[in-house]
Amino acid sequence: MKHASGAPSEPSPGALHGAPLKQALRHQFRNLRSCYPQSELKKKAMDIHARLETLEEYRHAHSILFYVSYNNEVDTVALIRRALAASKQVYVPFMKTDIFGKKRIELSLLRSLDELAPGAFGIHEPKKECIRPVTLSKAEVILVPGVVFDALGYRLGSGHGYYDRLLMHAHTTTIGLAYEFQVIDNISPEPHDIPLDIIATETKILRIKPVKP
């Protein structure tokens, strides 16, 4: 398959399966994303924001869980800034390590972008003194990053599984933010994979599931 954007074809599911396929897709689409000029990614992100902000679920949400964009992901800093200015409850993830050394995502209320600093993997998260823990159930909308998405709402992230484990407990609207070149036909999901409700790109809104009551 060839993308309209000129992106190369993804590996054939007939040639690879399971973890090898996912790793090949991650590698390919990370490289592809890094090939785009920053100015072009910024313009695409602005168009994605405009489409996102047409969604009733997003506009009417009083509390939103944002990822903090990193490494050419679709920018969320501008979205966070606007949400704070609109007096919405802004939640962001931070990494916590348990007594066994295992990392997991936890969530914090954010009151200012100045409260963020580089944390695990270089991703910005709240400084320790600024952490105000909240539970996932408080978020009315969850924005989700990804390396590659498919038309059925499935996604591949960094490969660590942090968001996969988080989404297992999500009972509200989940929205993936993706550049159009990141959306392919099928990533061959596994039984435990959880699809998103909506994917927003610079050219369209892809609604996978009906509007939640």
C-alpha atoms as a PDB file:
ATOM      1  CA  MET A   1       0.000   0.000   0.000  1.00  0.00           C
ATOM      2  CA  LYS A   2       1.214   3.522  -0.835  1.00  0.00           C
ATOM      3  CA  HIS A   3       0.036   6.557   1.125  1.00  0.00           C
ATOM      4  CA  ALA A   4      -1.335   9.583  -0.702  1.00  0.00           C
ATOM      5  CA  SER A   5       1.330  11.595   1.103  1.00  0.00           C
ATOM      6  CA  GLY A   6       4.033   9.622  -0.676  1.00  0.00           C
ATOM      7  CA  ALA A   7       4.950   7.575   2.384  1.00  0.00           C
ATOM      8  CA  PRO A   8       6.473   4.177   1.639  1.00  0.00           C
ATOM      9  CA  SER A   9       4.443   1.018   1.954  1.00  0.00           C
ATOM     10  CA  GLU A  10       4.172  -0.596   5.374  1.00  0.00           C
ATOM     11  CA  PRO A  11       5.506  -4.139   5.830  1.00  0.00           C
ATOM     12  CA  SER A  12       3.054  -6.739   4.582  1.00  0.00           C
ATOM     13  CA  PRO A  13       1.118  -8.485   7.390  1.00  0.00           C
ATOM     14  CA  GLY A  14       1.611 -11.641   5.327  1.00  0.00           C
ATOM     15  CA  ALA A  15       5.378 -11.324   5.725  1.00  0.00           C
ATOM     16  CA  LEU A  16       5.497 -10.390   9.412  1.00  0.00           C
ATOM     17  CA  HIS A  17       3.231 -11.068  12.363  1.00  0.00           C
ATOM     18  CA  GLY A  18       2.882 -10.069  15.993  1.00  0.00           C
ATOM     19  CA  ALA A  19       5.844  -8.401  17.680  1.00  0.00           C
ATOM     20  CA  PRO A  20       8.158  -8.420  14.612  1.00  0.00           C
ATOM     21  CA  LEU A  21       5.494  -6.639  12.538  1.00  0.00           C
ATOM     22  CA  LYS A  22       4.907  -4.065  15.260  1.00  0.00           C
ATOM     23  CA  GLN A  23       8.613  -3.393  15.658  1.00  0.00           C
ATOM     24  CA  ALA A  24       9.010  -3.002  11.889  1.00  0.00           C
ATOM     25  CA  LEU A  25       6.119  -0.539  11.770  1.00  0.00           C
ATOM     26  CA  ARG A  26       7.487   1.463  14.699  1.00  0.00           C
ATOM     27  CA  HIS A  27      10.905   1.686  13.082  1.00  0.00           C
ATOM     28  CA  GLN A  28       9.493   2.666   9.690  1.00  0.00           C
ATOM     29  CA  PHE A  29       7.110   5.322  10.951  1.00  0.00           C
ATOM     30  CA  ARG A  30       9.536   6.849  13.437  1.00  0.00           C
ATOM     31  CA  ASN A  31      11.961   7.277  10.551  1.00  0.00           C
ATOM     32  CA  LEU A  32       9.226   8.653   8.320  1.00  0.00           C
ATOM     33  CA  ARG A  33       8.146  11.175  10.941  1.00  0.00           C
ATOM     34  CA  SER A  34      11.728  12.340  11.405  1.00  0.00           C
ATOM     35  CA  CYS A  35      12.015  13.059   7.658  1.00  0.00           C
ATOM     36  CA  TYR A  36       9.419  15.830   7.722  1.00  0.00           C
ATOM     37  CA  PRO A  37      10.600  19.426   8.257  1.00  0.00           C
ATOM     38  CA  GLN A  38       9.584  20.910  11.595  1.00  0.00           C
ATOM     39  CA  SER A  39       7.717  23.681   9.803  1.00  0.00           C
ATOM     40  CA  GLU A  40       5.558  21.140   7.972  1.00  0.00           C
ATOM     41  CA  LEU A  41       4.822  19.131  11.112  1.00  0.00           C
ATOM     42  CA  LYS A  42       3.877  22.345  12.906  1.00  0.00           C
ATOM     43  CA  LYS A  43       1.425  23.261  10.138  1.00  0.00           C
ATOM     44  CA  LYS A  44      -0.057  19.756  10.187  1.00  0.00           C
ATOM     45  CA  ALA A  45      -0.421  19.941  13.970  1.00  0.00           C
ATOM     46  CA  MET A  46      -2.283  23.249  13.726  1.00  0.00           C
ATOM     47  CA  ASP A  47      -4.703  21.672  11.252  1.00  0.00           C
ATOM     48  CA  ILE A  48      -5.150  18.687  13.572  1.00  0.00           C
ATOM     49  CA  HIS A  49      -5.918  21.057  16.448  1.00  0.00           C
ATOM     50  CA  ALA A  50      -8.537  22.820  14.343  1.00  0.00           C
ATOM     51  CA  ARG A  51     -10.272  19.524  13.562  1.00  0.00           C
ATOM     52  CA  LEU A  52     -10.028  18.323  17.153  1.00  0.00           C
ATOM     53  CA  GLU A  53     -11.675  21.505  18.366  1.00  0.00           C
ATOM     54  CA  THR A  54     -14.717  20.835  16.163  1.00  0.00           C
ATOM     55  CA  LEU A  55     -15.504  17.717  18.204  1.00  0.00           C
ATOM     56  CA  GLU A  56     -18.291  18.182  20.736  1.00  0.00           C
ATOM     57  CA  GLU A  57     -16.648  15.681  23.062  1.00  0.00           C
ATOM     58  CA  TYR A  58     -13.514  17.813  23.188  1.00  0.00           C
ATOM     59  CA  ARG A  59     -15.181  21.243  23.223  1.00  0.00           C
ATOM     60  CA  HIS A  60     -17.592  20.363  26.017  1.00  0.00           C
ATOM     61  CA  ALA A  61     -15.120  18.471  28.195  1.00  0.00           C
ATOM     62  CA  HIS A  62     -14.329  20.126  31.515  1.00  0.00           C
ATOM     63  CA  SER A  63     -11.408  17.799  32.223  1.00  0.00           C
ATOM     64  CA  ILE A  64      -8.934  16.480  29.655  1.00  0.00           C
ATOM     65  CA  LEU A  65      -5.959  14.155  29.940  1.00  0.00           C
ATOM     66  CA  PHE A  66      -3.254  15.411  27.578  1.00  0.00           C
ATOM     67  CA  TYR A  67      -0.036  13.678  26.669  1.00  0.00           C
ATOM     68  CA  VAL A  68       2.913  16.085  26.618  1.00  0.00           C
ATOM     69  CA  SER A  69       4.235  15.924  23.058  1.00  0.00           C
ATOM     70  CA  TYR A  70       7.765  14.676  22.473  1.00  0.00           C
ATOM     71  CA  ASN A  71      10.025  13.735  19.568  1.00  0.00           C
ATOM     72  CA  ASN A  72       7.870  15.087  16.718  1.00  0.00           C
ATOM     73  CA  GLU A  73       4.574  13.745  18.080  1.00  0.00           C
ATOM     74  CA  VAL A  74       1.539  15.860  17.231  1.00  0.00           C
ATOM     75  CA  ASP A  75       2.024  18.954  19.391  1.00  0.00           C
ATOM     76  CA  THR A  76      -0.124  19.279  22.509  1.00  0.00           C
ATOM     77  CA  VAL A  77       1.534  22.271  24.175  1.00  0.00           C
ATOM     78  CA  ALA A  78      -0.666  24.757  22.315  1.00  0.00           C
ATOM     79  CA  LEU A  79      -3.744  22.696  23.207  1.00  0.00           C
ATOM     80  CA  ILE A  80      -2.741  22.604  26.875  1.00  0.00           C
ATOM     81  CA  ARG A  81      -2.159  26.350  26.876  1.00  0.00           C
ATOM     82  CA  ARG A  82      -5.636  27.008  25.429  1.00  0.00           C
ATOM     83  CA  ALA A  83      -7.294  24.550  27.811  1.00  0.00           C
ATOM     84  CA  LEU A  84      -5.670  26.231  30.809  1.00  0.00           C
ATOM     85  CA  ALA A  85      -6.756  29.649  29.529  1.00  0.00           C
ATOM     86  CA  ALA A  86     -10.315  28.295  29.234  1.00  0.00           C
ATOM     87  CA  SER A  87     -10.186  27.158  32.894  1.00  0.00           C
ATOM     88  CA  LYS A  88     -10.474  23.483  32.002  1.00  0.00           C
ATOM     89  CA  GLN A  89      -9.033  20.834  34.287  1.00  0.00           C
ATOM     90  CA  VAL A  90      -5.809  19.738  32.603  1.00  0.00           C
ATOM     91  CA  TYR A  91      -4.291  16.389  33.526  1.00  0.00           C
ATOM     92  CA  VAL A  92      -0.920  15.122  32.332  1.00  0.00           C
ATOM     93  CA  PRO A  93       0.950  11.847  32.877  1.00  0.00           C
ATOM     94  CA  PHE A  94       4.079  11.328  34.879  1.00  0.00           C
ATOM     95  CA  MET A  95       6.167   8.226  35.381  1.00  0.00           C
ATOM     96  CA  LYS A  96       6.274   6.504  38.735  1.00  0.00           C
ATOM     97  CA  THR A  97       8.556   3.614  39.680  1.00  0.00           C
ATOM     98  CA  ASP A  98       7.353   1.047  42.204  1.00  0.00           C
ATOM     99  CA  ILE A  99       9.471  -0.747  44.795  1.00  0.00           C
ATOM    100  CA  PHE A 100      10.265  -3.470  42.257  1.00  0.00           C
ATOM    101  CA  GLY A 101      11.636  -0.953  39.756  1.00  0.00           C
ATOM    102  CA  LYS A 102       8.651  -1.243  37.416  1.00  0.00           C
ATOM    103  CA  LYS A 103       7.498   1.996  35.797  1.00  0.00           C
ATOM    104  CA  ARG A 104       3.883   2.990  35.277  1.00  0.00           C
ATOM    105  CA  ILE A 105       1.951   6.081  34.247  1.00  0.00           C
ATOM    106  CA  GLU A 106       0.178   8.118  36.903  1.00  0.00           C
ATOM    107  CA  LEU A 107      -1.710  11.373  36.414  1.00  0.00           C
ATOM    108  CA  SER A 108      -1.459  14.857  37.855  1.00  0.00           C
ATOM    109  CA  LEU A 109      -3.492  18.049  37.691  1.00  0.00           C
ATOM    110  CA  LEU A 110      -1.521  20.748  35.844  1.00  0.00           C
ATOM    111  CA  ARG A 111      -2.043  24.435  36.585  1.00  0.00           C
ATOM    112  CA  SER A 112       0.726  25.937  34.453  1.00  0.00           C
ATOM    113  CA  LEU A 113       3.107  24.841  31.719  1.00  0.00           C
ATOM    114  CA  ASP A 114       5.864  26.217  33.954  1.00  0.00           C
ATOM    115  CA  GLU A 115       5.282  23.227  36.244  1.00  0.00           C
ATOM    116  CA  LEU A 116       6.699  20.860  33.610  1.00  0.00           C
ATOM    117  CA  ALA A 117      10.296  19.670  33.371  1.00  0.00           C
ATOM    118  CA  PRO A 118      12.060  16.826  31.526  1.00  0.00           C
ATOM    119  CA  GLY A 119      11.389  13.487  33.204  1.00  0.00           C
ATOM    120  CA  ALA A 120      11.506   9.832  32.178  1.00  0.00           C
ATOM    121  CA  PHE A 121      12.761   9.317  28.602  1.00  0.00           C
ATOM    122  CA  GLY A 122      13.196  13.114  28.319  1.00  0.00           C
ATOM    123  CA  ILE A 123       9.424  13.645  28.174  1.00  0.00           C
ATOM    124  CA  HIS A 124       8.167  16.674  30.090  1.00  0.00           C
ATOM    125  CA  GLU A 125       6.119  15.875  33.192  1.00  0.00           C
ATOM    126  CA  PRO A 126       5.215  17.738  36.393  1.00  0.00           C
ATOM    127  CA  LYS A 127       8.055  18.553  38.733  1.00  0.00           C
ATOM    128  CA  LYS A 128       7.856  16.510  41.940  1.00  0.00           C
ATOM    129  CA  GLU A 129       6.765  19.500  43.991  1.00  0.00           C
ATOM    130  CA  CYS A 130       3.960  20.224  41.498  1.00  0.00           C
ATOM    131  CA  ILE A 131       2.365  16.771  41.414  1.00  0.00           C
ATOM    132  CA  ARG A 132      -1.323  16.750  42.352  1.00  0.00           C
ATOM    133  CA  PRO A 133      -2.463  13.142  41.850  1.00  0.00           C
ATOM    134  CA  VAL A 134      -5.767  12.446  40.092  1.00  0.00           C
ATOM    135  CA  THR A 135      -7.439   9.244  38.947  1.00  0.00           C
ATOM    136  CA  LEU A 136      -8.158   8.360  35.331  1.00  0.00           C
ATOM    137  CA  SER A 137     -11.894   8.410  36.033  1.00  0.00           C
ATOM    138  CA  LYS A 138     -11.712  12.205  36.452  1.00  0.00           C
ATOM    139  CA  ALA A 139     -10.858  12.751  32.765  1.00  0.00           C
ATOM    140  CA  GLU A 140     -13.776  13.265  30.379  1.00  0.00           C
ATOM    141  CA  VAL A 141     -11.519  13.014  27.317  1.00  0.00           C
ATOM    142  CA  ILE A 142      -8.163  11.288  26.886  1.00  0.00           C
ATOM    143  CA  LEU A 143      -5.754  12.379  24.132  1.00  0.00           C
ATOM    144  CA  VAL A 144      -3.469   9.550  23.085  1.00  0.00           C
ATOM    145  CA  PRO A 145      -0.139   9.663  21.203  1.00  0.00           C
ATOM    146  CA  GLY A 146       1.117   7.020  18.818  1.00  0.00           C
ATOM    147  CA  VAL A 147       3.729   6.116  16.251  1.00  0.00           C
ATOM    148  CA  VAL A 148       1.241   4.566  13.828  1.00  0.00           C
ATOM    149  CA  PHE A 149      -2.549   4.136  13.819  1.00  0.00           C
ATOM    150  CA  ASP A 150      -4.973   2.144  11.717  1.00  0.00           C
ATOM    151  CA  ALA A 151      -8.443   2.719  10.301  1.00  0.00           C
ATOM    152  CA  LEU A 152      -9.976   0.488  12.984  1.00  0.00           C
ATOM    153  CA  GLY A 153      -8.719   2.729  15.789  1.00  0.00           C
ATOM    154  CA  TYR A 154      -5.775   0.619  16.895  1.00  0.00           C
ATOM    155  CA  ARG A 155      -2.406   2.209  17.583  1.00  0.00           C
ATOM    156  CA  LEU A 156       1.218   1.409  18.199  1.00  0.00           C
ATOM    157  CA  GLY A 157       3.023   3.505  20.754  1.00  0.00           C
ATOM    158  CA  SER A 158       6.604   3.476  21.942  1.00  0.00           C
ATOM    159  CA  GLY A 159       6.540  -0.235  22.669  1.00  0.00           C
ATOM    160  CA  HIS A 160       6.687   0.060  26.464  1.00  0.00           C
ATOM    161  CA  GLY A 161       2.950  -0.550  26.884  1.00  0.00           C
ATOM    162  CA  TYR A 162       2.308   2.342  29.277  1.00  0.00           C
ATOM    163  CA  TYR A 163      -0.685   3.735  27.381  1.00  0.00           C
ATOM    164  CA  ASP A 164      -1.960   0.233  26.584  1.00  0.00           C
ATOM    165  CA  ARG A 165      -2.222  -0.469  30.303  1.00  0.00           C
ATOM    166  CA  LEU A 166      -3.787   2.935  30.943  1.00  0.00           C
ATOM    167  CA  LEU A 167      -6.423   2.474  28.231  1.00  0.00           C
ATOM    168  CA  MET A 168      -7.490  -0.840  29.762  1.00  0.00           C
ATOM    169  CA  HIS A 169      -9.090   1.231  32.527  1.00  0.00           C
ATOM    170  CA  ALA A 170     -10.517   4.025  30.355  1.00  0.00           C
ATOM    171  CA  HIS A 171     -14.299   4.407  30.294  1.00  0.00           C
ATOM    172  CA  THR A 172     -14.465   7.749  28.543  1.00  0.00           C
ATOM    173  CA  THR A 173     -13.734   9.172  25.079  1.00  0.00           C
ATOM    174  CA  THR A 174     -10.266   8.361  23.754  1.00  0.00           C
ATOM    175  CA  ILE A 175      -8.878  10.419  20.871  1.00  0.00           C
ATOM    176  CA  GLY A 176      -5.681   9.711  18.975  1.00  0.00           C
ATOM    177  CA  LEU A 177      -3.842  12.645  17.396  1.00  0.00           C
ATOM    178  CA  ALA A 178      -2.125  11.555  14.191  1.00  0.00           C
ATOM    179  CA  TYR A 179      -0.532  12.982  11.101  1.00  0.00           C
ATOM    180  CA  GLU A 180      -2.331  11.611   8.065  1.00  0.00           C
ATOM    181  CA  PHE A 181       0.797   9.721   6.993  1.00  0.00           C
ATOM    182  CA  GLN A 182       0.671   7.779  10.281  1.00  0.00           C
ATOM    183  CA  VAL A 183      -2.703   6.167   9.519  1.00  0.00           C
ATOM    184  CA  ILE A 184      -2.614   2.865   7.634  1.00  0.00           C
ATOM    185  CA  ASP A 185      -5.229   0.240   6.826  1.00  0.00           C
ATOM    186  CA  ASN A 186      -4.391  -2.360   9.449  1.00  0.00           C
ATOM    187  CA  ILE A 187      -1.682  -2.897  12.055  1.00  0.00           C
ATOM    188  CA  SER A 188      -2.819  -6.474  12.785  1.00  0.00           C
ATOM    189  CA  PRO A 189      -3.979  -5.878  16.371  1.00  0.00           C
ATOM    190  CA  GLU A 190      -3.767  -8.580  18.992  1.00  0.00           C
ATOM    191  CA  PRO A 191      -6.724  -9.674  21.166  1.00  0.00           C
ATOM    192  CA  HIS A 192      -5.623  -7.529  24.122  1.00  0.00           C
ATOM    193  CA  ASP A 193      -5.275  -4.329  22.048  1.00  0.00           C
ATOM    194  CA  ILE A 194      -7.903  -1.649  22.712  1.00  0.00           C
ATOM    195  CA  PRO A 195      -9.106   0.607  19.872  1.00  0.00           C
ATOM    196  CA  LEU A 196      -9.526   4.347  20.265  1.00  0.00           C
ATOM    197  CA  ASP A 197     -12.916   6.011  19.851  1.00  0.00           C
ATOM    198  CA  ILE A 198     -11.706   8.729  17.466  1.00  0.00           C
ATOM    199  CA  ILE A 199      -8.598   9.615  15.463  1.00  0.00           C
ATOM    200  CA  ALA A 200      -8.034  13.236  14.421  1.00  0.00           C
ATOM    201  CA  THR A 201      -5.667  14.009  11.537  1.00  0.00           C
ATOM    202  CA  GLU A 202      -5.005  17.168   9.559  1.00  0.00           C
ATOM    203  CA  THR A 203      -7.460  16.072   6.854  1.00  0.00           C
ATOM    204  CA  LYS A 204     -10.257  14.250   8.676  1.00  0.00           C
ATOM    205  CA  ILE A 205     -11.932  12.996  11.805  1.00  0.00           C
ATOM    206  CA  LEU A 206     -12.090   9.215  11.877  1.00  0.00           C
ATOM    207  CA  ARG A 207     -14.841   8.145  14.269  1.00  0.00           C
ATOM    208  CA  ILE A 208     -14.450   4.484  15.113  1.00  0.00           C
ATOM    209  CA  LYS A 209     -17.071   4.137  17.830  1.00  0.00           C
ATOM    210  CA  PRO A 210     -20.481   5.820  18.264  1.00  0.00           C
ATOM    211  CA  VAL A 211     -20.777   8.926  20.418  1.00  0.00           C
ATOM    212  CA  LYS A 212     -20.697   7.919  24.078  1.00  0.00           C
ATOM    213  CA  PRO A 213     -23.724   8.989  26.144  1.00  0.00           C
END
